[in-house]
Amino acid sequence: MTRRLATTTTVDRAALSDFLRTRHNGLLITTRTDGTPQASPVSCGVDGEGRIVVSTYPQRAKAKNARRDPRVSIVVLSDDFGDAWVQVDGTAELIDAVTDTEPLVEYYRCIAGEHPDWDEYREAMVKQGKTLLRITPERWSPIATGGFPPERAE
C-alpha cells in the first residue's frame, strides 16, 4: 500500500491568491475579549486585490471580535477535506452594507459569478444588515497537505 506523503509548498503572494481563488471553505479565527481564540466556519472568496472576503452580520462573534481586534487568521480548505489547505494571518476591516454594498457585490461575484438582478441584491444586503469582513494577508503558511512525514514513507 502506498502511503500518502505530507507536502508543504512555499508560495508568493500571487500564487497564494491563485490557490485561494478556487477555494471557498474556511475557518476564520478571531480573538475573544478574554484573549482566547474563537473559530467560525465561513464561505470565503478573494477580491480583485487579493484580500480574503467573508460575508457576515455585525452581530456575529467574528464581526464583533474583528472590530475590536482586527488581527485574524483564516484556514482555507479545499473541497476535499484531505486535500491542500493554507493558513493566512492578516488584518481585517469591516464594511457595513448600509455604508457601501459594492464590496458585497464583489464578494458574490468572486464566489458565485453574476447575479440576475444586482439592484435586488444590493437592496437585500442593506435590508438584511450584512457586513463584509475583508482580510489583507500579511503572512501565510506554506500550502500543505496531510499525510505521513516523508521520512516515514517506508
Protein backbone atom coordinates (compact mmCIF):
# COMPACT_ATOMS: atom_id res chain seq x y z
CA MET A 1 0.00 0.00 0.00
CA THR A 2 1.36 3.40 -0.97
CA ARG A 3 1.27 5.93 1.82
CA ARG A 4 0.25 9.47 1.07
CA LEU A 5 3.07 11.82 2.00
CA ALA A 6 2.54 15.19 3.62
CA THR A 7 3.61 18.13 1.49
CA THR A 8 4.35 21.79 2.04
CA THR A 9 4.82 24.29 -0.76
CA THR A 10 6.04 27.81 -0.02
CA VAL A 11 4.31 30.34 -2.29
CA ASP A 12 4.50 34.06 -3.01
CA ARG A 13 1.50 36.39 -2.75
CA ALA A 14 0.40 35.86 -6.37
CA ALA A 15 0.45 32.06 -6.03
CA LEU A 16 -1.38 32.34 -2.70
CA SER A 17 -4.16 34.35 -4.39
CA ASP A 18 -4.35 31.79 -7.21
CA PHE A 19 -4.69 28.99 -4.64
CA LEU A 20 -7.34 30.82 -2.62
CA ARG A 21 -9.39 31.93 -5.62
CA THR A 22 -10.76 28.43 -6.28
CA ARG A 23 -11.44 27.52 -2.65
CA HIS A 24 -14.41 28.85 -0.69
CA ASN A 25 -14.41 26.92 2.61
CA GLY A 26 -12.64 28.46 5.55
CA LEU A 27 -12.29 28.52 9.29
CA LEU A 28 -11.99 32.13 10.48
CA ILE A 29 -10.22 32.64 13.79
CA THR A 30 -10.70 35.83 15.80
CA THR A 31 -9.86 36.70 19.39
CA ARG A 32 -12.44 36.87 22.17
CA THR A 33 -12.29 39.60 24.83
CA ASP A 34 -10.58 37.16 27.20
CA GLY A 35 -7.81 36.51 24.65
CA THR A 36 -8.89 33.01 23.66
CA PRO A 37 -9.49 32.05 20.01
CA GLN A 38 -12.97 31.95 18.52
CA ALA A 39 -13.42 29.92 15.31
CA SER A 40 -16.20 30.23 12.75
CA PRO A 41 -16.72 28.12 9.62
CA VAL A 42 -17.22 30.55 6.71
CA SER A 43 -17.64 30.80 2.96
CA CYS A 44 -14.86 32.96 1.59
CA GLY A 45 -13.55 34.40 -1.63
CA VAL A 46 -10.72 36.56 -2.91
CA ASP A 47 -11.37 40.06 -4.22
CA GLY A 48 -9.54 41.77 -7.08
CA GLU A 49 -6.81 43.00 -4.74
CA GLY A 50 -6.09 39.56 -3.27
CA ARG A 51 -7.91 40.17 0.02
CA ILE A 52 -9.95 37.36 1.53
CA VAL A 53 -13.61 38.31 1.85
CA VAL A 54 -16.33 36.87 4.09
CA SER A 55 -19.96 37.94 4.32
CA THR A 56 -21.44 38.07 7.81
CA TYR A 57 -23.70 40.05 10.13
CA PRO A 58 -22.41 42.71 12.53
CA GLN A 59 -23.95 40.86 15.50
CA ARG A 60 -21.90 37.69 14.93
CA ALA A 61 -18.97 36.93 17.23
CA LYS A 62 -16.49 37.01 14.34
CA ALA A 63 -17.55 40.53 13.37
CA LYS A 64 -17.59 41.86 16.94
CA ASN A 65 -14.20 40.32 17.66
CA ALA A 66 -12.63 41.61 14.44
CA ARG A 67 -13.91 45.15 15.08
CA ARG A 68 -12.27 45.09 18.49
CA ASP A 69 -9.06 43.31 17.40
CA PRO A 70 -8.55 43.23 13.62
CA ARG A 71 -5.76 40.63 13.79
CA VAL A 72 -7.34 37.47 12.38
CA SER A 73 -6.36 34.15 10.88
CA ILE A 74 -8.21 32.04 8.38
CA VAL A 75 -7.56 28.46 7.37
CA VAL A 76 -8.76 27.97 3.80
CA LEU A 77 -9.58 24.36 2.94
CA SER A 78 -10.01 22.52 -0.33
CA ASP A 79 -13.40 20.99 -1.11
CA ASP A 80 -11.89 17.57 -0.35
CA PHE A 81 -11.05 17.72 3.36
CA GLY A 82 -7.85 15.71 2.88
CA ASP A 83 -6.56 17.98 0.11
CA ALA A 84 -4.42 21.13 0.27
CA TRP A 85 -5.00 23.95 2.76
CA VAL A 86 -3.30 27.14 3.93
CA GLN A 87 -3.43 29.41 6.97
CA VAL A 88 -3.41 33.14 6.30
CA ASP A 89 -2.85 35.75 9.02
CA GLY A 90 -3.83 39.33 8.38
CA THR A 91 -5.72 42.43 9.32
CA ALA A 92 -9.49 42.58 8.94
CA GLU A 93 -11.64 45.54 8.08
CA LEU A 94 -15.42 45.51 8.18
CA ILE A 95 -17.70 47.28 5.72
CA ASP A 96 -21.40 47.51 6.51
CA ALA A 97 -23.88 47.31 3.63
CA VAL A 98 -25.63 50.46 4.84
CA THR A 99 -22.37 52.27 4.08
CA ASP A 100 -21.30 50.51 0.85
CA THR A 101 -22.75 47.48 -0.94
CA GLU A 102 -20.10 47.25 -3.68
CA PRO A 103 -17.68 45.11 -1.61
CA LEU A 104 -20.55 42.64 -1.08
CA VAL A 105 -21.19 42.65 -4.84
CA GLU A 106 -17.53 41.78 -5.41
CA TYR A 107 -17.79 39.05 -2.74
CA TYR A 108 -20.75 37.49 -4.55
CA ARG A 109 -19.01 37.69 -7.92
CA CYS A 110 -15.81 36.01 -6.72
CA ILE A 111 -17.77 33.07 -5.27
CA ALA A 112 -20.85 32.67 -7.46
CA GLY A 113 -20.42 34.83 -10.58
CA GLU A 114 -23.09 37.19 -11.83
CA HIS A 115 -26.37 37.80 -10.03
CA PRO A 116 -29.55 38.03 -12.15
CA ASP A 117 -30.57 41.34 -10.53
CA TRP A 118 -27.84 43.42 -8.89
CA ASP A 119 -30.22 46.13 -7.70
CA GLU A 120 -32.27 43.50 -5.90
CA TYR A 121 -29.09 42.00 -4.40
CA ARG A 122 -27.85 45.39 -3.14
CA GLU A 123 -31.25 46.12 -1.61
CA ALA A 124 -31.30 42.70 0.09
CA MET A 125 -27.82 43.27 1.57
CA VAL A 126 -28.93 46.56 3.13
CA LYS A 127 -32.26 45.11 4.29
CA GLN A 128 -30.50 42.10 5.87
CA GLY A 129 -27.93 44.36 7.51
CA LYS A 130 -24.99 42.45 6.03
CA THR A 131 -21.33 43.21 6.72
CA LEU A 132 -18.29 42.29 4.66
CA LEU A 133 -15.20 41.20 6.55
CA ARG A 134 -12.15 41.82 4.35
CA ILE A 135 -8.75 40.39 5.31
CA THR A 136 -5.49 41.75 3.96
CA PRO A 137 -2.98 38.87 4.04
CA GLU A 138 0.22 39.73 5.89
CA ARG A 139 1.76 36.29 6.27
CA TRP A 140 0.80 32.75 5.41
CA SER A 141 1.91 29.19 5.91
CA PRO A 142 3.10 27.01 3.08
CA ILE A 143 0.27 25.34 1.19
CA ALA A 144 0.08 21.95 2.87
CA THR A 145 -1.44 18.52 2.52
CA GLY A 146 -1.77 15.94 5.23
CA GLY A 147 -0.18 12.54 5.24
CA PHE A 148 2.84 10.72 6.52
CA PRO A 149 6.03 12.71 7.05
CA PRO A 150 8.38 11.94 4.13
CA GLU A 151 10.88 10.28 6.49
CA ARG A 152 8.10 7.79 7.44
CA ALA A 153 7.32 6.83 3.83
CA GLU A 154 8.53 3.24 4.26
